[in-house]
């Protein structure tokens, strides 16, 4: 198990996407919880850390090029309701994330990994 985590909260700079700021409390709770478990954990807005396992909230805001640059051990959090969607109905960022990254426990229905096999 890694010794360092980095919680990356991705927010869009424009006012039209203010909903992404709703993840702030979740990102802070993740940092607090991991620190309480003894893990060194940092938190950043719109940035990742090379020396840590990144936990990304708001990954769907990243361009494909940015997703491609994330390390394979990245963990993504998905809060979008995806249950029942067909693979062709998912945004490319969701398809890529489902194939490459681990998702947080409890989102099997939300992340629809089974649709992408």
N, C-alpha and C. Protein backbone atom coordinates (compact mmCIF):
# COMPACT_ATOMS: atom_id res chain seq x y z
N UNK A 1 0.85 -1.18 0.00
CA UNK A 1 0.00 0.00 0.00
C UNK A 1 0.89 1.24 0.00
N UNK A 2 0.57 2.23 -0.82
CA UNK A 2 1.41 3.42 -0.90
C UNK A 2 1.41 4.21 0.41
N UNK A 3 2.50 4.91 0.62
CA UNK A 3 2.64 5.70 1.84
C UNK A 3 2.16 7.13 1.64
N UNK A 4 2.06 7.59 0.41
CA UNK A 4 1.65 8.96 0.14
C UNK A 4 0.48 8.99 -0.84
N UNK A 5 -0.47 9.86 -0.53
CA UNK A 5 -1.60 10.10 -1.43
C UNK A 5 -1.67 11.59 -1.72
N UNK A 6 -2.25 11.91 -2.85
CA UNK A 6 -2.55 13.30 -3.18
C UNK A 6 -3.98 13.35 -3.70
N UNK A 7 -4.81 14.16 -3.06
CA UNK A 7 -6.19 14.34 -3.50
C UNK A 7 -6.20 15.53 -4.45
N UNK A 8 -6.51 15.26 -5.71
CA UNK A 8 -6.54 16.30 -6.74
C UNK A 8 -7.99 16.65 -7.04
N UNK A 9 -8.37 17.85 -6.66
CA UNK A 9 -9.73 18.33 -6.88
C UNK A 9 -9.70 19.18 -8.15
N UNK A 10 -10.34 18.67 -9.21
CA UNK A 10 -10.32 19.35 -10.51
C UNK A 10 -11.56 20.23 -10.61
N UNK A 11 -11.33 21.51 -10.81
CA UNK A 11 -12.44 22.47 -10.98
C UNK A 11 -12.20 23.27 -12.25
N UNK A 12 -13.27 23.61 -12.90
CA UNK A 12 -13.21 24.43 -14.11
C UNK A 12 -13.15 25.88 -13.68
N UNK A 13 -12.32 26.69 -14.33
CA UNK A 13 -12.17 28.08 -13.90
C UNK A 13 -13.39 28.96 -14.15
N UNK A 14 -14.26 28.56 -15.05
CA UNK A 14 -15.40 29.40 -15.39
C UNK A 14 -16.58 29.25 -14.44
N UNK A 15 -17.42 30.26 -14.35
CA UNK A 15 -18.57 30.22 -13.44
C UNK A 15 -19.65 29.22 -13.85
N UNK A 16 -19.64 28.81 -15.12
CA UNK A 16 -20.67 27.89 -15.59
C UNK A 16 -20.55 26.51 -14.95
N UNK A 17 -19.39 26.17 -14.45
CA UNK A 17 -19.16 24.84 -13.87
C UNK A 17 -18.96 24.92 -12.36
N UNK A 18 -19.67 25.82 -11.70
CA UNK A 18 -19.49 26.01 -10.25
C UNK A 18 -19.84 24.76 -9.44
N UNK A 19 -20.58 23.84 -10.02
CA UNK A 19 -20.96 22.62 -9.31
C UNK A 19 -19.78 21.78 -8.89
N UNK A 20 -18.67 21.89 -9.60
CA UNK A 20 -17.49 21.11 -9.26
C UNK A 20 -16.93 21.51 -7.89
N UNK A 21 -17.24 22.71 -7.44
CA UNK A 21 -16.79 23.14 -6.11
C UNK A 21 -17.50 22.35 -5.01
N UNK A 22 -18.58 21.68 -5.36
CA UNK A 22 -19.29 20.84 -4.40
C UNK A 22 -18.47 19.65 -3.93
N UNK A 23 -17.43 19.31 -4.67
CA UNK A 23 -16.56 18.20 -4.27
C UNK A 23 -15.56 18.59 -3.19
N UNK A 24 -15.51 19.87 -2.85
CA UNK A 24 -14.50 20.36 -1.90
C UNK A 24 -14.54 19.61 -0.57
N UNK A 25 -15.74 19.48 -0.01
CA UNK A 25 -15.84 18.81 1.28
C UNK A 25 -15.44 17.34 1.19
N UNK A 26 -15.73 16.70 0.08
CA UNK A 26 -15.33 15.31 -0.11
C UNK A 26 -13.81 15.22 -0.17
N UNK A 27 -13.19 16.12 -0.92
CA UNK A 27 -11.72 16.09 -1.03
C UNK A 27 -11.08 16.35 0.33
N UNK A 28 -11.62 17.27 1.10
CA UNK A 28 -11.08 17.55 2.43
C UNK A 28 -11.29 16.36 3.37
N UNK A 29 -12.44 15.70 3.26
CA UNK A 29 -12.70 14.53 4.10
C UNK A 29 -11.76 13.38 3.75
N UNK A 30 -11.48 13.19 2.46
CA UNK A 30 -10.51 12.17 2.05
C UNK A 30 -9.13 12.46 2.64
N UNK A 31 -8.71 13.70 2.53
CA UNK A 31 -7.41 14.07 3.08
C UNK A 31 -7.37 13.83 4.58
N UNK A 32 -8.38 14.27 5.27
CA UNK A 32 -8.44 14.10 6.73
C UNK A 32 -8.42 12.62 7.10
N UNK A 33 -9.25 11.83 6.43
CA UNK A 33 -9.34 10.40 6.75
C UNK A 33 -8.04 9.65 6.50
N UNK A 34 -7.41 9.92 5.36
CA UNK A 34 -6.14 9.25 5.06
C UNK A 34 -5.04 9.69 6.02
N UNK A 35 -5.02 10.97 6.37
CA UNK A 35 -4.06 11.44 7.38
C UNK A 35 -4.30 10.75 8.72
N UNK A 36 -5.57 10.60 9.10
CA UNK A 36 -5.91 9.95 10.37
C UNK A 36 -5.48 8.48 10.38
N UNK A 37 -5.44 7.86 9.20
CA UNK A 37 -4.98 6.48 9.10
C UNK A 37 -3.46 6.37 9.05
N UNK A 38 -2.77 7.51 9.08
CA UNK A 38 -1.32 7.50 9.11
C UNK A 38 -0.65 7.71 7.77
N UNK A 39 -1.41 8.00 6.73
CA UNK A 39 -0.84 8.23 5.41
C UNK A 39 -0.54 9.72 5.22
N UNK A 40 0.60 10.00 4.65
CA UNK A 40 0.91 11.37 4.28
C UNK A 40 0.04 11.71 3.08
N UNK A 41 -0.78 12.74 3.22
CA UNK A 41 -1.75 13.06 2.18
C UNK A 41 -1.79 14.57 1.95
N UNK A 42 -1.65 14.96 0.69
CA UNK A 42 -1.75 16.37 0.32
C UNK A 42 -3.03 16.58 -0.48
N UNK A 43 -3.38 17.84 -0.63
CA UNK A 43 -4.59 18.22 -1.36
C UNK A 43 -4.23 19.36 -2.29
N UNK A 44 -4.70 19.30 -3.53
CA UNK A 44 -4.41 20.37 -4.48
C UNK A 44 -5.57 20.60 -5.42
N UNK A 45 -5.69 21.82 -5.86
CA UNK A 45 -6.70 22.19 -6.83
C UNK A 45 -6.05 22.18 -8.21
N UNK A 46 -6.60 21.41 -9.12
CA UNK A 46 -6.14 21.34 -10.52
C UNK A 46 -4.67 20.94 -10.66
N UNK A 47 -4.19 20.10 -9.77
CA UNK A 47 -2.82 19.61 -9.91
C UNK A 47 -2.70 18.21 -9.31
N UNK A 48 -1.76 17.46 -9.84
CA UNK A 48 -1.45 16.13 -9.32
C UNK A 48 -0.02 16.13 -8.81
N UNK A 49 0.37 15.04 -8.16
CA UNK A 49 1.72 14.90 -7.61
C UNK A 49 2.35 13.63 -8.17
N UNK A 50 3.57 13.75 -8.67
CA UNK A 50 4.27 12.61 -9.25
C UNK A 50 4.69 11.57 -8.21
N UNK A 51 4.96 11.99 -6.98
CA UNK A 51 5.50 11.09 -5.96
C UNK A 51 4.42 10.48 -5.07
N UNK A 52 3.17 10.59 -5.46
CA UNK A 52 2.07 10.06 -4.64
C UNK A 52 1.06 9.36 -5.53
N UNK A 53 0.23 8.53 -4.91
CA UNK A 53 -0.92 7.98 -5.62
C UNK A 53 -1.98 9.07 -5.64
N UNK A 54 -2.37 9.47 -6.83
CA UNK A 54 -3.35 10.55 -6.97
C UNK A 54 -4.77 10.01 -6.89
N UNK A 55 -5.60 10.70 -6.14
CA UNK A 55 -7.02 10.42 -6.06
C UNK A 55 -7.69 11.64 -6.68
N UNK A 56 -8.32 11.45 -7.84
CA UNK A 56 -8.82 12.58 -8.63
C UNK A 56 -10.34 12.68 -8.51
N UNK A 57 -10.79 13.84 -8.06
CA UNK A 57 -12.20 14.18 -8.02
C UNK A 57 -12.46 15.20 -9.12
N UNK A 58 -13.42 14.93 -9.98
CA UNK A 58 -13.70 15.83 -11.10
C UNK A 58 -12.88 15.49 -12.34
N UNK A 59 -12.48 14.22 -12.46
CA UNK A 59 -11.66 13.81 -13.61
C UNK A 59 -12.33 14.12 -14.94
N UNK A 60 -13.66 14.15 -14.96
CA UNK A 60 -14.39 14.37 -16.21
C UNK A 60 -14.16 15.77 -16.78
N UNK A 61 -13.56 16.65 -15.99
CA UNK A 61 -13.25 17.99 -16.46
C UNK A 61 -11.92 18.04 -17.23
N UNK A 62 -11.14 16.97 -17.15
CA UNK A 62 -9.84 16.94 -17.80
C UNK A 62 -9.96 16.59 -19.29
N UNK A 63 -9.13 17.20 -20.08
CA UNK A 63 -9.03 16.85 -21.49
C UNK A 63 -8.38 15.47 -21.60
N UNK A 64 -8.63 14.78 -22.70
CA UNK A 64 -8.07 13.44 -22.88
C UNK A 64 -6.55 13.45 -22.74
N UNK A 65 -5.89 14.48 -23.24
CA UNK A 65 -4.43 14.56 -23.13
C UNK A 65 -4.00 14.57 -21.66
N UNK A 66 -4.73 15.27 -20.82
CA UNK A 66 -4.41 15.31 -19.39
C UNK A 66 -4.68 13.96 -18.74
N UNK A 67 -5.77 13.31 -19.12
CA UNK A 67 -6.06 11.97 -18.59
C UNK A 67 -4.97 10.98 -19.00
N UNK A 68 -4.50 11.10 -20.23
CA UNK A 68 -3.45 10.20 -20.71
C UNK A 68 -2.16 10.35 -19.92
N UNK A 69 -1.92 11.51 -19.34
CA UNK A 69 -0.69 11.77 -18.60
C UNK A 69 -0.76 11.31 -17.14
N UNK A 70 -1.93 10.95 -16.66
CA UNK A 70 -2.05 10.50 -15.27
C UNK A 70 -1.41 9.13 -15.11
N UNK A 71 -0.73 8.89 -13.99
CA UNK A 71 -0.13 7.57 -13.76
C UNK A 71 -1.20 6.48 -13.69
N UNK A 72 -0.81 5.26 -14.03
CA UNK A 72 -1.76 4.14 -14.03
C UNK A 72 -2.32 3.82 -12.65
N UNK A 73 -1.63 4.19 -11.58
CA UNK A 73 -2.13 3.89 -10.23
C UNK A 73 -3.10 4.95 -9.71
N UNK A 74 -3.49 5.88 -10.58
CA UNK A 74 -4.45 6.92 -10.20
C UNK A 74 -5.79 6.29 -9.82
N UNK A 75 -6.42 6.88 -8.82
CA UNK A 75 -7.75 6.47 -8.38
C UNK A 75 -8.69 7.62 -8.73
N UNK A 76 -9.79 7.31 -9.41
CA UNK A 76 -10.75 8.36 -9.75
C UNK A 76 -12.03 8.18 -8.94
N UNK A 77 -12.58 9.29 -8.54
CA UNK A 77 -13.87 9.30 -7.87
C UNK A 77 -14.90 9.78 -8.88
N UNK A 78 -15.97 9.04 -8.99
CA UNK A 78 -17.05 9.42 -9.90
C UNK A 78 -18.32 9.62 -9.10
N UNK A 79 -18.92 10.79 -9.25
CA UNK A 79 -20.18 11.09 -8.57
C UNK A 79 -21.34 11.17 -9.55
N UNK A 80 -21.07 10.96 -10.83
CA UNK A 80 -22.12 11.03 -11.85
C UNK A 80 -22.92 9.74 -11.87
N UNK A 81 -24.22 9.85 -12.11
CA UNK A 81 -25.08 8.68 -12.22
C UNK A 81 -24.99 8.15 -13.65
N UNK A 82 -24.38 6.99 -13.80
CA UNK A 82 -24.18 6.40 -15.12
C UNK A 82 -24.92 5.09 -15.32
N UNK A 83 -25.56 4.63 -14.30
CA UNK A 83 -26.21 3.32 -14.36
C UNK A 83 -27.20 3.28 -15.52
N UNK A 84 -27.11 2.21 -16.30
CA UNK A 84 -28.05 2.00 -17.40
C UNK A 84 -27.61 2.59 -18.72
N UNK A 85 -26.53 3.37 -18.72
CA UNK A 85 -26.05 3.93 -19.99
C UNK A 85 -25.30 2.87 -20.78
N UNK A 86 -25.40 2.96 -22.07
CA UNK A 86 -24.65 2.08 -22.96
C UNK A 86 -23.27 2.71 -23.20
N UNK A 87 -22.27 1.90 -23.56
CA UNK A 87 -20.92 2.43 -23.75
C UNK A 87 -20.85 3.64 -24.69
N UNK A 88 -21.60 3.62 -25.77
CA UNK A 88 -21.55 4.73 -26.72
C UNK A 88 -22.16 6.01 -26.16
N UNK A 89 -22.90 5.90 -25.07
CA UNK A 89 -23.52 7.07 -24.45
C UNK A 89 -22.60 7.75 -23.43
N UNK A 90 -21.50 7.11 -23.08
CA UNK A 90 -20.57 7.68 -22.11
C UNK A 90 -19.61 8.64 -22.80
N UNK A 91 -19.28 9.73 -22.11
CA UNK A 91 -18.27 10.65 -22.61
C UNK A 91 -16.94 9.92 -22.73
N UNK A 92 -16.12 10.31 -23.69
CA UNK A 92 -14.81 9.66 -23.84
C UNK A 92 -13.98 9.65 -22.55
N UNK A 93 -14.08 10.70 -21.75
CA UNK A 93 -13.30 10.74 -20.51
C UNK A 93 -13.73 9.62 -19.57
N UNK A 94 -15.01 9.28 -19.52
CA UNK A 94 -15.48 8.19 -18.67
C UNK A 94 -15.01 6.84 -19.21
N UNK A 95 -15.04 6.69 -20.53
CA UNK A 95 -14.58 5.44 -21.13
C UNK A 95 -13.11 5.20 -20.84
N UNK A 96 -12.30 6.24 -21.01
CA UNK A 96 -10.88 6.12 -20.75
C UNK A 96 -10.61 5.84 -19.27
N UNK A 97 -11.26 6.56 -18.40
CA UNK A 97 -11.05 6.37 -16.96
C UNK A 97 -11.46 4.97 -16.51
N UNK A 98 -12.55 4.46 -17.06
CA UNK A 98 -13.02 3.13 -16.69
C UNK A 98 -12.05 2.05 -17.13
N UNK A 99 -11.39 2.25 -18.25
CA UNK A 99 -10.41 1.27 -18.74
C UNK A 99 -9.08 1.34 -18.01
N UNK A 100 -8.64 2.55 -17.63
CA UNK A 100 -7.27 2.72 -17.12
C UNK A 100 -7.13 2.79 -15.62
N UNK A 101 -8.11 3.33 -14.91
CA UNK A 101 -7.89 3.67 -13.51
C UNK A 101 -8.78 2.89 -12.57
N UNK A 102 -8.35 2.85 -11.32
CA UNK A 102 -9.20 2.27 -10.27
C UNK A 102 -10.24 3.32 -9.89
N UNK A 103 -11.41 2.86 -9.52
CA UNK A 103 -12.43 3.78 -9.02
C UNK A 103 -12.64 3.47 -7.55
N UNK A 104 -13.18 4.45 -6.84
CA UNK A 104 -13.37 4.26 -5.41
C UNK A 104 -14.41 3.19 -5.16
N UNK A 105 -14.30 2.48 -4.04
CA UNK A 105 -15.28 1.44 -3.71
C UNK A 105 -16.69 2.02 -3.64
N UNK A 106 -17.64 1.21 -4.03
CA UNK A 106 -19.03 1.62 -3.91
C UNK A 106 -19.60 2.30 -5.14
N UNK A 107 -18.85 2.34 -6.24
CA UNK A 107 -19.39 2.99 -7.43
C UNK A 107 -19.49 2.05 -8.61
N UNK A 108 -19.56 0.78 -8.36
CA UNK A 108 -19.65 -0.16 -9.48
C UNK A 108 -20.83 0.17 -10.38
N UNK A 109 -21.97 0.52 -9.80
CA UNK A 109 -23.14 0.88 -10.60
C UNK A 109 -22.97 2.22 -11.28
N UNK A 110 -22.26 3.12 -10.64
CA UNK A 110 -22.06 4.45 -11.21
C UNK A 110 -21.01 4.45 -12.30
N UNK A 111 -19.98 3.65 -12.16
CA UNK A 111 -18.86 3.76 -13.07
C UNK A 111 -18.98 2.86 -14.29
N UNK A 112 -19.88 1.95 -14.28
CA UNK A 112 -20.23 1.15 -15.46
C UNK A 112 -19.04 0.48 -16.13
N UNK A 113 -18.06 0.05 -15.34
CA UNK A 113 -16.89 -0.63 -15.93
C UNK A 113 -17.34 -1.86 -16.72
N UNK A 114 -18.40 -2.53 -16.25
CA UNK A 114 -18.85 -3.74 -16.92
C UNK A 114 -19.34 -3.46 -18.34
N UNK A 115 -19.71 -2.23 -18.64
CA UNK A 115 -20.17 -1.90 -19.99
C UNK A 115 -19.03 -1.76 -20.98
N UNK A 116 -17.82 -1.59 -20.47
CA UNK A 116 -16.71 -1.27 -21.34
C UNK A 116 -15.85 -2.46 -21.69
N UNK A 117 -16.24 -3.66 -21.30
CA UNK A 117 -15.44 -4.84 -21.60
C UNK A 117 -15.62 -5.29 -23.02
